[in-house]
Amino acid sequence: MISNIRRNIMGTTSFDGMFPGMRKPQDFIVYPLHQGNEATHAKVQSDTRIGMIDLGNGQVIMSPPRAGGAYGVHLAQAKAAGKLSAEELLMLKAAIFASAHGKAGTNGIVYTDNSAALEVFKQA
């Protein structure tokens, strides 16, 4: 379901994901995990979808595609979209963990706080 896990310009993680109901893989970005938020779920977004991945069991929920882009408000329409294999979940969590830093990435003006990514392996 997911492949090509890599670091992106924000200093967080990106991957190519193809979930049920999708014709081809899309480039998903993992939102930063900052202090004050529990690292129990990873919010992910592509050009047309937004979703959540449970970092404990790999359950994925995904919004329907939206031509103009899917945003936080569209999570209310999200439905179960499968489950990551144990290997995919471990590789994703490792990549998120590796990107943990208070100043993970920058555009020269604003820094990305991804410090709570240190907590991804605290899940059962």
PDB file of N, CA and C in Angstrom:
ATOM      1  N   MET A   1       0.805  -1.194   0.000  1.00  0.00           N
ATOM      2  CA  MET A   1       0.000   0.000   0.000  1.00  0.00           C
ATOM      3  C   MET A   1       0.850   1.261   0.000  1.00  0.00           C
ATOM      4  N   ILE A   2       1.975   1.263   0.749  1.00  0.00           N
ATOM      5  CA  ILE A   2       2.842   2.439   0.719  1.00  0.00           C
ATOM      6  C   ILE A   2       4.238   2.030   0.264  1.00  0.00           C
ATOM      7  N   SER A   3       4.913   2.962  -0.388  1.00  0.00           N
ATOM      8  CA  SER A   3       6.269   2.717  -0.875  1.00  0.00           C
ATOM      9  C   SER A   3       6.991   4.053  -0.973  1.00  0.00           C
ATOM     10  N   ASN A   4       8.272   4.000  -1.311  1.00  0.00           N
ATOM     11  CA  ASN A   4       9.067   5.193  -1.545  1.00  0.00           C
ATOM     12  C   ASN A   4       8.987   6.177  -0.372  1.00  0.00           C
ATOM     13  N   ILE A   5       9.221   5.677   0.827  1.00  0.00           N
ATOM     14  CA  ILE A   5       9.193   6.534   2.022  1.00  0.00           C
ATOM     15  C   ILE A   5      10.461   7.381   2.020  1.00  0.00           C
ATOM     16  N   ARG A   6      10.293   8.702   2.187  1.00  0.00           N
ATOM     17  CA  ARG A   6      11.428   9.608   2.079  1.00  0.00           C
ATOM     18  C   ARG A   6      11.201  10.860   2.927  1.00  0.00           C
ATOM     19  N   ARG A   7      12.230  11.647   3.073  1.00  0.00           N
ATOM     20  CA  ARG A   7      12.140  12.928   3.780  1.00  0.00           C
ATOM     21  C   ARG A   7      11.770  14.008   2.762  1.00  0.00           C
ATOM     22  N   ASN A   8      10.952  14.973   3.190  1.00  0.00           N
ATOM     23  CA  ASN A   8      10.523  16.028   2.262  1.00  0.00           C
ATOM     24  C   ASN A   8      11.112  17.379   2.663  1.00  0.00           C
ATOM     25  N   ILE A   9      10.778  18.401   1.929  1.00  0.00           N
ATOM     26  CA  ILE A   9      11.331  19.737   2.150  1.00  0.00           C
ATOM     27  C   ILE A   9      10.947  20.321   3.514  1.00  0.00           C
ATOM     28  N   MET A  10       9.813  19.877   4.063  1.00  0.00           N
ATOM     29  CA  MET A  10       9.401  20.346   5.393  1.00  0.00           C
ATOM     30  C   MET A  10      10.214  19.685   6.499  1.00  0.00           C
ATOM     31  N   GLY A  11      11.008  18.675   6.149  1.00  0.00           N
ATOM     32  CA  GLY A  11      11.777  17.948   7.140  1.00  0.00           C
ATOM     33  C   GLY A  11      11.007  16.791   7.746  1.00  0.00           C
ATOM     34  N   THR A  12       9.781  16.575   7.271  1.00  0.00           N
ATOM     35  CA  THR A  12       8.982  15.450   7.756  1.00  0.00           C
ATOM     36  C   THR A  12       9.044  14.327   6.718  1.00  0.00           C
ATOM     37  N   THR A  13       8.098  13.423   6.765  1.00  0.00           N
ATOM     38  CA  THR A  13       8.123  12.235   5.919  1.00  0.00           C
ATOM     39  C   THR A  13       7.076  12.319   4.812  1.00  0.00           C
ATOM     40  N   SER A  14       7.416  11.795   3.661  1.00  0.00           N
ATOM     41  CA  SER A  14       6.486  11.637   2.542  1.00  0.00           C
ATOM     42  C   SER A  14       6.556  10.194   2.070  1.00  0.00           C
ATOM     43  N   PHE A  15       5.499   9.739   1.412  1.00  0.00           N
ATOM     44  CA  PHE A  15       5.480   8.391   0.843  1.00  0.00           C
ATOM     45  C   PHE A  15       4.486   8.342  -0.300  1.00  0.00           C
ATOM     46  N   ASP A  16       4.645   7.332  -1.134  1.00  0.00           N
ATOM     47  CA  ASP A  16       3.673   7.066  -2.198  1.00  0.00           C
ATOM     48  C   ASP A  16       2.684   6.053  -1.638  1.00  0.00           C
ATOM     49  N   GLY A  17       1.412   6.393  -1.662  1.00  0.00           N
ATOM     50  CA  GLY A  17       0.393   5.511  -1.103  1.00  0.00           C
ATOM     51  C   GLY A  17      -0.706   5.220  -2.096  1.00  0.00           C
ATOM     52  N   MET A  18      -1.142   3.968  -2.094  1.00  0.00           N
ATOM     53  CA  MET A  18      -2.277   3.558  -2.917  1.00  0.00           C
ATOM     54  C   MET A  18      -3.190   2.723  -2.024  1.00  0.00           C
ATOM     55  N   PHE A  19      -4.350   3.280  -1.753  1.00  0.00           N
ATOM     56  CA  PHE A  19      -5.312   2.654  -0.856  1.00  0.00           C
ATOM     57  C   PHE A  19      -6.539   2.223  -1.657  1.00  0.00           C
ATOM     58  N   PRO A  20      -7.366   1.343  -1.104  1.00  0.00           N
ATOM     59  CA  PRO A  20      -8.555   0.883  -1.838  1.00  0.00           C
ATOM     60  C   PRO A  20      -9.380   2.058  -2.381  1.00  0.00           C
ATOM     61  N   GLY A  21      -9.821   1.929  -3.608  1.00  0.00           N
ATOM     62  CA  GLY A  21     -10.598   2.972  -4.260  1.00  0.00           C
ATOM     63  C   GLY A  21      -9.745   3.940  -5.063  1.00  0.00           C
ATOM     64  N   MET A  22      -8.430   3.760  -5.040  1.00  0.00           N
ATOM     65  CA  MET A  22      -7.532   4.639  -5.789  1.00  0.00           C
ATOM     66  C   MET A  22      -7.028   3.894  -7.026  1.00  0.00           C
ATOM     67  N   ARG A  23      -6.954   4.600  -8.155  1.00  0.00           N
ATOM     68  CA  ARG A  23      -6.489   3.980  -9.390  1.00  0.00           C
ATOM     69  C   ARG A  23      -4.970   3.906  -9.462  1.00  0.00           C
ATOM     70  N   LYS A  24      -4.290   4.895  -8.884  1.00  0.00           N
ATOM     71  CA  LYS A  24      -2.829   4.921  -8.928  1.00  0.00           C
ATOM     72  C   LYS A  24      -2.296   5.549  -7.642  1.00  0.00           C
ATOM     73  N   PRO A  25      -1.023   5.304  -7.326  1.00  0.00           N
ATOM     74  CA  PRO A  25      -0.452   5.869  -6.094  1.00  0.00           C
ATOM     75  C   PRO A  25      -0.406   7.394  -6.141  1.00  0.00           C
ATOM     76  N   GLN A  26      -0.507   7.998  -4.973  1.00  0.00           N
ATOM     77  CA  GLN A  26      -0.392   9.449  -4.828  1.00  0.00           C
ATOM     78  C   GLN A  26       0.718   9.755  -3.829  1.00  0.00           C
ATOM     79  N   ASP A  27       1.294  10.931  -3.946  1.00  0.00           N
ATOM     80  CA  ASP A  27       2.333  11.392  -3.033  1.00  0.00           C
ATOM     81  C   ASP A  27       1.662  11.966  -1.785  1.00  0.00           C
ATOM     82  N   PHE A  28       1.886  11.340  -0.633  1.00  0.00           N
ATOM     83  CA  PHE A  28       1.321  11.788   0.636  1.00  0.00           C
ATOM     84  C   PHE A  28       2.410  12.395   1.502  1.00  0.00           C
ATOM     85  N   ILE A  29       2.076  13.452   2.209  1.00  0.00           N
ATOM     86  CA  ILE A  29       2.968  14.059   3.179  1.00  0.00           C
ATOM     87  C   ILE A  29       2.407  13.772   4.569  1.00  0.00           C
ATOM     88  N   VAL A  30       3.292  13.485   5.512  1.00  0.00           N
ATOM     89  CA  VAL A  30       2.899  13.265   6.897  1.00  0.00           C
ATOM     90  C   VAL A  30       3.017  14.603   7.624  1.00  0.00           C
ATOM     91  N   TYR A  31       1.930  15.038   8.240  1.00  0.00           N
ATOM     92  CA  TYR A  31       1.946  16.294   8.980  1.00  0.00           C
ATOM     93  C   TYR A  31       2.938  16.208  10.135  1.00  0.00           C
ATOM     94  N   PRO A  32       3.557  17.320  10.512  1.00  0.00           N
ATOM     95  CA  PRO A  32       4.484  17.322  11.648  1.00  0.00           C
ATOM     96  C   PRO A  32       3.774  16.949  12.952  1.00  0.00           C
ATOM     97  N   LEU A  33       4.482  16.260  13.817  1.00  0.00           N
ATOM     98  CA  LEU A  33       3.993  15.908  15.142  1.00  0.00           C
ATOM     99  C   LEU A  33       4.742  16.800  16.124  1.00  0.00           C
ATOM    100  N   HIS A  34       4.047  17.742  16.737  1.00  0.00           N
ATOM    101  CA  HIS A  34       4.733  18.669  17.632  1.00  0.00           C
ATOM    102  C   HIS A  34       4.334  18.425  19.080  1.00  0.00           C
ATOM    103  N   GLN A  35       5.161  18.902  19.989  1.00  0.00           N
ATOM    104  CA  GLN A  35       4.915  18.702  21.415  1.00  0.00           C
ATOM    105  C   GLN A  35       3.540  19.232  21.789  1.00  0.00           C
ATOM    106  N   GLY A  36       2.881  18.518  22.675  1.00  0.00           N
ATOM    107  CA  GLY A  36       1.528  18.877  23.068  1.00  0.00           C
ATOM    108  C   GLY A  36       0.506  17.981  22.396  1.00  0.00           C
ATOM    109  N   ASN A  37       0.905  17.306  21.332  1.00  0.00           N
ATOM    110  CA  ASN A  37       0.038  16.346  20.644  1.00  0.00           C
ATOM    111  C   ASN A  37       0.567  14.950  20.900  1.00  0.00           C
ATOM    112  N   GLU A  38      -0.312  14.019  21.175  1.00  0.00           N
ATOM    113  CA  GLU A  38       0.115  12.629  21.320  1.00  0.00           C
ATOM    114  C   GLU A  38       0.403  12.066  19.939  1.00  0.00           C
ATOM    115  N   ALA A  39       1.462  11.296  19.847  1.00  0.00           N
ATOM    116  CA  ALA A  39       1.859  10.708  18.569  1.00  0.00           C
ATOM    117  C   ALA A  39       1.161   9.362  18.375  1.00  0.00           C
ATOM    118  N   THR A  40      -0.165   9.364  18.430  1.00  0.00           N
ATOM    119  CA  THR A  40      -0.922   8.127  18.265  1.00  0.00           C
ATOM    120  C   THR A  40      -1.410   7.946  16.834  1.00  0.00           C
ATOM    121  N   HIS A  41      -1.571   9.038  16.114  1.00  0.00           N
ATOM    122  CA  HIS A  41      -2.036   9.003  14.732  1.00  0.00           C
ATOM    123  C   HIS A  41      -1.174   9.942  13.893  1.00  0.00           C
ATOM    124  N   ALA A  42      -0.978   9.580  12.649  1.00  0.00           N
ATOM    125  CA  ALA A  42      -0.276  10.444  11.709  1.00  0.00           C
ATOM    126  C   ALA A  42      -1.302  10.963  10.708  1.00  0.00           C
ATOM    127  N   LYS A  43      -1.409  12.276  10.609  1.00  0.00           N
ATOM    128  CA  LYS A  43      -2.292  12.868   9.605  1.00  0.00           C
ATOM    129  C   LYS A  43      -1.507  12.938   8.305  1.00  0.00           C
ATOM    130  N   VAL A  44      -2.115  12.452   7.222  1.00  0.00           N
ATOM    131  CA  VAL A  44      -1.465  12.431   5.913  1.00  0.00           C
ATOM    132  C   VAL A  44      -2.343  13.149   4.897  1.00  0.00           C
ATOM    133  N   GLN A  45      -1.695  13.757   3.893  1.00  0.00           N
ATOM    134  CA  GLN A  45      -2.445  14.509   2.887  1.00  0.00           C
ATOM    135  C   GLN A  45      -1.757  14.411   1.537  1.00  0.00           C
ATOM    136  N   SER A  46      -2.577  14.244   0.499  1.00  0.00           N
ATOM    137  CA  SER A  46      -2.092  14.298  -0.888  1.00  0.00           C
ATOM    138  C   SER A  46      -2.786  15.475  -1.555  1.00  0.00           C
ATOM    139  N   ASP A  47      -2.656  15.581  -2.857  1.00  0.00           N
ATOM    140  CA  ASP A  47      -3.323  16.666  -3.582  1.00  0.00           C
ATOM    141  C   ASP A  47      -4.838  16.569  -3.518  1.00  0.00           C
ATOM    142  N   THR A  48      -5.375  15.339  -3.407  1.00  0.00           N
ATOM    143  CA  THR A  48      -6.832  15.184  -3.472  1.00  0.00           C
ATOM    144  C   THR A  48      -7.447  14.485  -2.264  1.00  0.00           C
ATOM    145  N   ARG A  49      -6.641  14.002  -1.319  1.00  0.00           N
ATOM    146  CA  ARG A  49      -7.167  13.259  -0.169  1.00  0.00           C
ATOM    147  C   ARG A  49      -6.471  13.662   1.122  1.00  0.00           C
ATOM    148  N   ILE A  50      -7.165  13.427   2.236  1.00  0.00           N
ATOM    149  CA  ILE A  50      -6.580  13.607   3.558  1.00  0.00           C
ATOM    150  C   ILE A  50      -7.020  12.413   4.403  1.00  0.00           C
ATOM    151  N   GLY A  51      -6.171  11.995   5.308  1.00  0.00           N
ATOM    152  CA  GLY A  51      -6.515  10.841   6.124  1.00  0.00           C
ATOM    153  C   GLY A  51      -5.673  10.751   7.380  1.00  0.00           C
ATOM    154  N   MET A  52      -5.898   9.683   8.132  1.00  0.00           N
ATOM    155  CA  MET A  52      -5.177   9.417   9.371  1.00  0.00           C
ATOM    156  C   MET A  52      -4.706   7.967   9.352  1.00  0.00           C
ATOM    157  N   ILE A  53      -3.510   7.758   9.893  1.00  0.00           N
ATOM    158  CA  ILE A  53      -2.982   6.407  10.057  1.00  0.00           C
ATOM    159  C   ILE A  53      -2.757   6.198  11.549  1.00  0.00           C
ATOM    160  N   ASP A  54      -3.387   5.163  12.094  1.00  0.00           N
ATOM    161  CA  ASP A  54      -3.201   4.817  13.504  1.00  0.00           C
ATOM    162  C   ASP A  54      -1.817   4.186  13.642  1.00  0.00           C
ATOM    163  N   LEU A  55      -0.945   4.805  14.425  1.00  0.00           N
ATOM    164  CA  LEU A  55       0.422   4.331  14.561  1.00  0.00           C
ATOM    165  C   LEU A  55       0.531   3.120  15.483  1.00  0.00           C
ATOM    166  N   GLY A  56      -0.551   2.743  16.122  1.00  0.00           N
ATOM    167  CA  GLY A  56      -0.549   1.563  16.967  1.00  0.00           C
ATOM    168  C   GLY A  56      -0.866   0.297  16.199  1.00  0.00           C
ATOM    169  N   ASN A  57      -1.868   0.364  15.322  1.00  0.00           N
ATOM    170  CA  ASN A  57      -2.302  -0.852  14.626  1.00  0.00           C
ATOM    171  C   ASN A  57      -2.259  -0.747  13.100  1.00  0.00           C
ATOM    172  N   GLY A  58      -1.919   0.420  12.546  1.00  0.00           N
ATOM    173  CA  GLY A  58      -1.801   0.583  11.104  1.00  0.00           C
ATOM    174  C   GLY A  58      -3.102   0.814  10.362  1.00  0.00           C
ATOM    175  N   GLN A  59      -4.209   0.986  11.091  1.00  0.00           N
ATOM    176  CA  GLN A  59      -5.512   1.242  10.459  1.00  0.00           C
ATOM    177  C   GLN A  59      -5.480   2.586   9.743  1.00  0.00           C
ATOM    178  N   VAL A  60      -5.992   2.621   8.520  1.00  0.00           N
ATOM    179  CA  VAL A  60      -5.987   3.840   7.703  1.00  0.00           C
ATOM    180  C   VAL A  60      -7.415   4.292   7.469  1.00  0.00           C
ATOM    181  N   ILE A  61      -7.692   5.579   7.678  1.00  0.00           N
ATOM    182  CA  ILE A  61      -8.953   6.179   7.241  1.00  0.00           C
ATOM    183  C   ILE A  61      -8.592   7.256   6.225  1.00  0.00           C
ATOM    184  N   MET A  62      -9.410   7.370   5.175  1.00  0.00           N
ATOM    185  CA  MET A  62      -9.090   8.280   4.087  1.00  0.00           C
ATOM    186  C   MET A  62     -10.362   8.947   3.589  1.00  0.00           C
ATOM    187  N   SER A  63     -10.247  10.238   3.263  1.00  0.00           N
ATOM    188  CA  SER A  63     -11.385  10.969   2.715  1.00  0.00           C
ATOM    189  C   SER A  63     -11.591  10.579   1.255  1.00  0.00           C
ATOM    190  N   PRO A  64     -12.791  10.838   0.733  1.00  0.00           N
ATOM    191  CA  PRO A  64     -12.996  10.640  -0.709  1.00  0.00           C
ATOM    192  C   PRO A  64     -12.155  11.667  -1.475  1.00  0.00           C
ATOM    193  N   PRO A  65     -11.850  11.408  -2.741  1.00  0.00           N
ATOM    194  CA  PRO A  65     -11.060  12.375  -3.511  1.00  0.00           C
ATOM    195  C   PRO A  65     -11.832  13.667  -3.752  1.00  0.00           C
ATOM    196  N   ARG A  66     -11.116  14.773  -3.729  1.00  0.00           N
ATOM    197  CA  ARG A  66     -11.692  16.098  -4.014  1.00  0.00           C
ATOM    198  C   ARG A  66     -10.780  16.793  -5.009  1.00  0.00           C
ATOM    199  N   ALA A  67     -11.322  17.159  -6.148  1.00  0.00           N
ATOM    200  CA  ALA A  67     -10.525  17.764  -7.214  1.00  0.00           C
ATOM    201  C   ALA A  67      -9.830  19.043  -6.756  1.00  0.00           C
ATOM    202  N   GLY A  68     -10.474  19.832  -5.910  1.00  0.00           N
ATOM    203  CA  GLY A  68      -9.886  21.084  -5.437  1.00  0.00           C
ATOM    204  C   GLY A  68      -8.969  20.897  -4.239  1.00  0.00           C
ATOM    205  N   GLY A  69      -8.792  19.673  -3.791  1.00  0.00           N
ATOM    206  CA  GLY A  69      -7.948  19.385  -2.632  1.00  0.00           C
ATOM    207  C   GLY A  69      -8.787  19.032  -1.421  1.00  0.00           C
ATOM    208  N   ALA A  70      -8.258  18.170  -0.589  1.00  0.00           N
ATOM    209  CA  ALA A  70      -8.932  17.760   0.642  1.00  0.00           C
ATOM    210  C   ALA A  70      -8.185  18.367   1.825  1.00  0.00           C
ATOM    211  N   TYR A  71      -8.929  18.876   2.793  1.00  0.00           N
ATOM    212  CA  TYR A  71      -8.342  19.558   3.936  1.00  0.00           C
ATOM    213  C   TYR A  71      -8.942  19.016   5.226  1.00  0.00           C
ATOM    214  N   GLY A  72      -8.504  19.534   6.350  1.00  0.00           N
ATOM    215  CA  GLY A  72      -8.921  19.042   7.655  1.00  0.00           C
ATOM    216  C   GLY A  72     -10.415  18.849   7.813  1.00  0.00           C
ATOM    217  N   VAL A  73     -11.209  19.748   7.290  1.00  0.00           N
ATOM    218  CA  VAL A  73     -12.656  19.648   7.413  1.00  0.00           C
ATOM    219  C   VAL A  73     -13.190  18.389   6.716  1.00  0.00           C
ATOM    220  N   HIS A  74     -12.476  17.891   5.734  1.00  0.00           N
ATOM    221  CA  HIS A  74     -12.918  16.718   4.982  1.00  0.00           C
ATOM    222  C   HIS A  74     -12.628  15.403   5.711  1.00  0.00           C
ATOM    223  N   LEU A  75     -11.916  15.470   6.835  1.00  0.00           N
ATOM    224  CA  LEU A  75     -11.698  14.259   7.638  1.00  0.00           C
ATOM    225  C   LEU A  75     -13.008  13.712   8.185  1.00  0.00           C
ATOM    226  N   ALA A  76     -14.006  14.567   8.325  1.00  0.00           N
ATOM    227  CA  ALA A  76     -15.319  14.116   8.809  1.00  0.00           C
ATOM    228  C   ALA A  76     -15.952  13.114   7.851  1.00  0.00           C
ATOM    229  N   GLN A  77     -15.567  13.161   6.580  1.00  0.00           N
ATOM    230  CA  GLN A  77     -16.105  12.237   5.574  1.00  0.00           C
ATOM    231  C   GLN A  77     -15.220  11.008   5.385  1.00  0.00           C
ATOM    232  N   ALA A  78     -14.120  10.933   6.133  1.00  0.00           N
ATOM    233  CA  ALA A  78     -13.171   9.838   5.958  1.00  0.00           C
ATOM    234  C   ALA A  78     -13.770   8.506   6.391  1.00  0.00           C
ATOM    235  N   LYS A  79     -13.402   7.469   5.663  1.00  0.00           N
ATOM    236  CA  LYS A  79     -13.865   6.112   5.952  1.00  0.00           C
ATOM    237  C   LYS A  79     -12.665   5.180   5.992  1.00  0.00           C
ATOM    238  N   ALA A  80     -12.847   4.018   6.590  1.00  0.00           N
ATOM    239  CA  ALA A  80     -11.776   3.027   6.654  1.00  0.00           C
ATOM    240  C   ALA A  80     -11.275   2.718   5.248  1.00  0.00           C
ATOM    241  N   ALA A  81      -9.955   2.696   5.107  1.00  0.00           N
ATOM    242  CA  ALA A  81      -9.355   2.458   3.790  1.00  0.00           C
ATOM    243  C   ALA A  81      -8.267   1.399   3.873  1.00  0.00           C
ATOM    244  N   GLY A  82      -8.458   0.433   4.732  1.00  0.00           N
ATOM    245  CA  GLY A  82      -7.494  -0.647   4.819  1.00  0.00           C
ATOM    246  C   GLY A  82      -6.591  -0.535   6.030  1.00  0.00           C
ATOM    247  N   LYS A  83      -5.575  -1.350   6.007  1.00  0.00           N
ATOM    248  CA  LYS A  83      -4.642  -1.424   7.123  1.00  0.00           C
ATOM    249  C   LYS A  83      -3.250  -1.676   6.568  1.00  0.00           C
ATOM    250  N   LEU A  84      -2.260  -0.973   7.102  1.00  0.00           N
ATOM    251  CA  LEU A  84      -0.881  -1.186   6.679  1.00  0.00           C
ATOM    252  C   LEU A  84      -0.392  -2.528   7.218  1.00  0.00           C
ATOM    253  N   SER A  85       0.465  -3.173   6.459  1.00  0.00           N
ATOM    254  CA  SER A  85       1.083  -4.401   6.954  1.00  0.00           C
ATOM    255  C   SER A  85       2.037  -4.026   8.087  1.00  0.00           C
ATOM    256  N   ALA A  86       2.426  -5.006   8.880  1.00  0.00           N
ATOM    257  CA  ALA A  86       3.338  -4.746   9.994  1.00  0.00           C
ATOM    258  C   ALA A  86       4.651  -4.158   9.493  1.00  0.00           C
ATOM    259  N   GLU A  87       5.125  -4.642   8.354  1.00  0.00           N
ATOM    260  CA  GLU A  87       6.377  -4.133   7.787  1.00  0.00           C
ATOM    261  C   GLU A  87       6.226  -2.680   7.334  1.00  0.00           C
ATOM    262  N   GLU A  88       5.133  -2.365   6.637  1.00  0.00           N
ATOM    263  CA  GLU A  88       4.897  -0.988   6.183  1.00  0.00           C
ATOM    264  C   GLU A  88       4.786  -0.042   7.370  1.00  0.00           C
ATOM    265  N   LEU A  89       4.069  -0.465   8.405  1.00  0.00           N
ATOM    266  CA  LEU A  89       3.899   0.376   9.592  1.00  0.00           C
ATOM    267  C   LEU A  89       5.237   0.627  10.276  1.00  0.00           C
ATOM    268  N   LEU A  90       6.052  -0.415  10.416  1.00  0.00           N
ATOM    269  CA  LEU A  90       7.360  -0.270  11.053  1.00  0.00           C
ATOM    270  C   LEU A  90       8.249   0.676  10.248  1.00  0.00           C
ATOM    271  N   MET A  91       8.268   0.532   8.923  1.00  0.00           N
ATOM    272  CA  MET A  91       9.092   1.400   8.080  1.00  0.00           C
ATOM    273  C   MET A  91       8.605   2.848   8.142  1.00  0.00           C
ATOM    274  N   LEU A  92       7.292   3.058   8.160  1.00  0.00           N
ATOM    275  CA  LEU A  92       6.751   4.410   8.252  1.00  0.00           C
ATOM    276  C   LEU A  92       7.100   5.038   9.603  1.00  0.00           C
ATOM    277  N   LYS A  93       6.924   4.279  10.684  1.00  0.00           N
ATOM    278  CA  LYS A  93       7.244   4.793  12.010  1.00  0.00           C
ATOM    279  C   LYS A  93       8.734   5.113  12.137  1.00  0.00           C
ATOM    280  N   ALA A  94       9.587   4.282  11.551  1.00  0.00           N
ATOM    281  CA  ALA A  94      11.025   4.537  11.585  1.00  0.00           C
ATOM    282  C   ALA A  94      11.380   5.822  10.851  1.00  0.00           C
ATOM    283  N   ALA A  95      10.743   6.056   9.709  1.00  0.00           N
ATOM    284  CA  ALA A  95      11.001   7.282   8.950  1.00  0.00           C
ATOM    285  C   ALA A  95      10.500   8.508   9.703  1.00  0.00           C
ATOM    286  N   ILE A  96       9.332   8.395  10.333  1.00  0.00           N
ATOM    287  CA  ILE A  96       8.799   9.511  11.123  1.00  0.00           C
ATOM    288  C   ILE A  96       9.725   9.787  12.301  1.00  0.00           C
ATOM    289  N   PHE A  97      10.166   8.723  12.984  1.00  0.00           N
ATOM    290  CA  PHE A  97      11.080   8.855  14.118  1.00  0.00           C
ATOM    291  C   PHE A  97      12.383   9.530  13.691  1.00  0.00           C
ATOM    292  N   ALA A  98      12.918   9.134  12.532  1.00  0.00           N
ATOM    293  CA  ALA A  98      14.179   9.685  12.036  1.00  0.00           C
ATOM    294  C   ALA A  98      14.067  11.174  11.710  1.00  0.00           C
ATOM    295  N   SER A  99      12.861  11.655  11.475  1.00  0.00           N
ATOM    296  CA  SER A  99      12.675  13.074  11.134  1.00  0.00           C
ATOM    297  C   SER A  99      12.385  13.932  12.362  1.00  0.00           C
ATOM    298  N   ALA A 100      12.448  13.331  13.556  1.00  0.00           N
ATOM    299  CA  ALA A 100      12.121  14.066  14.788  1.00  0.00           C
ATOM    300  C   ALA A 100      13.151  15.147  15.073  1.00  0.00           C
ATOM    301  N   HIS A 101      12.683  16.371  15.210  1.00  0.00           N
ATOM    302  CA  HIS A 101      13.545  17.499  15.542  1.00  0.00           C
ATOM    303  C   HIS A 101      12.667  18.710  15.795  1.00  0.00           C
ATOM    304  N   GLY A 102      13.072  19.559  16.690  1.00  0.00           N
ATOM    305  CA  GLY A 102      12.332  20.788  16.963  1.00  0.00           C
ATOM    306  C   GLY A 102      12.358  21.744  15.788  1.00  0.00           C
ATOM    307  N   LYS A 103      13.398  21.627  14.962  1.00  0.00           N
ATOM    308  CA  LYS A 103      13.515  22.438  13.745  1.00  0.00           C
ATOM    309  C   LYS A 103      13.828  21.489  12.593  1.00  0.00           C
ATOM    310  N   ALA A 104      12.846  20.665  12.258  1.00  0.00           N
ATOM    311  CA  ALA A 104      13.035  19.581  11.282  1.00  0.00           C
ATOM    312  C   ALA A 104      13.314  20.090   9.876  1.00  0.00           C
ATOM    313  N   GLY A 105      12.671  21.145   9.481  1.00  0.00           N
ATOM    314  CA  GLY A 105      12.844  21.679   8.135  1.00  0.00           C
ATOM    315  C   GLY A 105      12.529  23.155   8.126  1.00  0.00           C
ATOM    316  N   THR A 106      12.977  23.837   7.106  1.00  0.00           N
ATOM    317  CA  THR A 106      12.717  25.265   7.020  1.00  0.00           C
ATOM    318  C   THR A 106      12.684  25.716   5.567  1.00  0.00           C
ATOM    319  N   ASN A 107      11.973  26.807   5.373  1.00  0.00           N
ATOM    320  CA  ASN A 107      11.989  27.465   4.072  1.00  0.00           C
ATOM    321  C   ASN A 107      12.854  28.725   4.149  1.00  0.00           C
ATOM    322  N   GLY A 108      13.613  28.842   5.233  1.00  0.00           N
ATOM    323  CA  GLY A 108      14.455  30.010   5.449  1.00  0.00           C
ATOM    324  C   GLY A 108      13.811  31.031   6.364  1.00  0.00           C
ATOM    325  N   ILE A 109      12.518  30.916   6.597  1.00  0.00           N
ATOM    326  CA  ILE A 109      11.789  31.858   7.445  1.00  0.00           C
ATOM    327  C   ILE A 109      11.123  31.142   8.603  1.00  0.00           C
ATOM    328  N   VAL A 110      10.411  30.063   8.303  1.00  0.00           N
ATOM    329  CA  VAL A 110       9.635  29.316   9.289  1.00  0.00           C
ATOM    330  C   VAL A 110      10.241  27.921   9.456  1.00  0.00           C
ATOM    331  N   TYR A 111      10.315  27.455  10.710  1.00  0.00           N
ATOM    332  CA  TYR A 111      10.810  26.108  10.990  1.00  0.00           C
ATOM    333  C   TYR A 111       9.646  25.169  11.285  1.00  0.00           C
ATOM    334  N   THR A 112       9.815  23.895  10.970  1.00  0.00           N
ATOM    335  CA  THR A 112       8.813  22.874  11.250  1.00  0.00           C
ATOM    336  C   THR A 112       9.166  22.178  12.551  1.00  0.00           C
ATOM    337  N   ASP A 113       8.246  22.179  13.521  1.00  0.00           N
ATOM    338  CA  ASP A 113       8.436  21.479  14.791  1.00  0.00           C
ATOM    339  C   ASP A 113       7.883  20.072  14.655  1.00  0.00           C
ATOM    340  N   ASN A 114       8.774  19.102  14.590  1.00  0.00           N
ATOM    341  CA  ASN A 114       8.380  17.700  14.465  1.00  0.00           C
ATOM    342  C   ASN A 114       8.925  16.916  15.668  1.00  0.00           C
ATOM    343  N   SER A 115       9.023  17.584  16.806  1.00  0.00           N
ATOM    344  CA  SER A 115       9.673  16.996  17.976  1.00  0.00           C
ATOM    345  C   SER A 115       8.912  15.830  18.589  1.00  0.00           C
ATOM    346  N   ALA A 116       7.600  15.785  18.489  1.00  0.00           N
ATOM    347  CA  ALA A 116       6.828  14.683  19.072  1.00  0.00           C
ATOM    348  C   ALA A 116       6.973  13.397  18.265  1.00  0.00           C
ATOM    349  N   ALA A 117       7.670  13.452  17.137  1.00  0.00           N
ATOM    350  CA  ALA A 117       7.912  12.242  16.356  1.00  0.00           C
ATOM    351  C   ALA A 117       8.776  11.252  17.134  1.00  0.00           C
ATOM    352  N   LEU A 118       9.432  11.696  18.182  1.00  0.00           N
ATOM    353  CA  LEU A 118      10.208  10.803  19.050  1.00  0.00           C
ATOM    354  C   LEU A 118       9.314   9.795  19.763  1.00  0.00           C
ATOM    355  N   GLU A 119       8.017  10.089  19.824  1.00  0.00           N
ATOM    356  CA  GLU A 119       7.082   9.271  20.592  1.00  0.00           C
ATOM    357  C   GLU A 119       6.409   8.161  19.769  1.00  0.00           C
ATOM    358  N   VAL A 120       6.696   8.036  18.488  1.00  0.00           N
ATOM    359  CA  VAL A 120       5.944   7.098  17.638  1.00  0.00           C
ATOM    360  C   VAL A 120       6.103   5.637  18.051  1.00  0.00           C
ATOM    361  N   PHE A 121       7.193   5.277  18.688  1.00  0.00           N
ATOM    362  CA  PHE A 121       7.397   3.886  19.080  1.00  0.00           C
ATOM    363  C   PHE A 121       6.846   3.587  20.469  1.00  0.00           C
ATOM    364  N   LYS A 122       6.229   4.556  21.121  1.00  0.00           N
ATOM    365  CA  LYS A 122       5.615   4.319  22.419  1.00  0.00           C
ATOM    366  C   LYS A 122       4.268   3.648  22.300  1.00  0.00           C
ATOM    367  N   GLN A 123       3.769   3.489  21.063  1.00  0.00           N
ATOM    368  CA  GLN A 123       2.494   2.807  20.822  1.00  0.00           C
ATOM    369  C   GLN A 123       2.674   1.320  20.967  1.00  0.00           C
ATOM    370  N   ALA A 124       1.626   0.636  21.367  1.00  0.00           N
ATOM    371  CA  ALA A 124       1.677  -0.829  21.518  1.00  0.00           C
ATOM    372  C   ALA A 124       1.674  -1.511  20.181  1.00  0.00           C
TER     373      ALA A 124
END
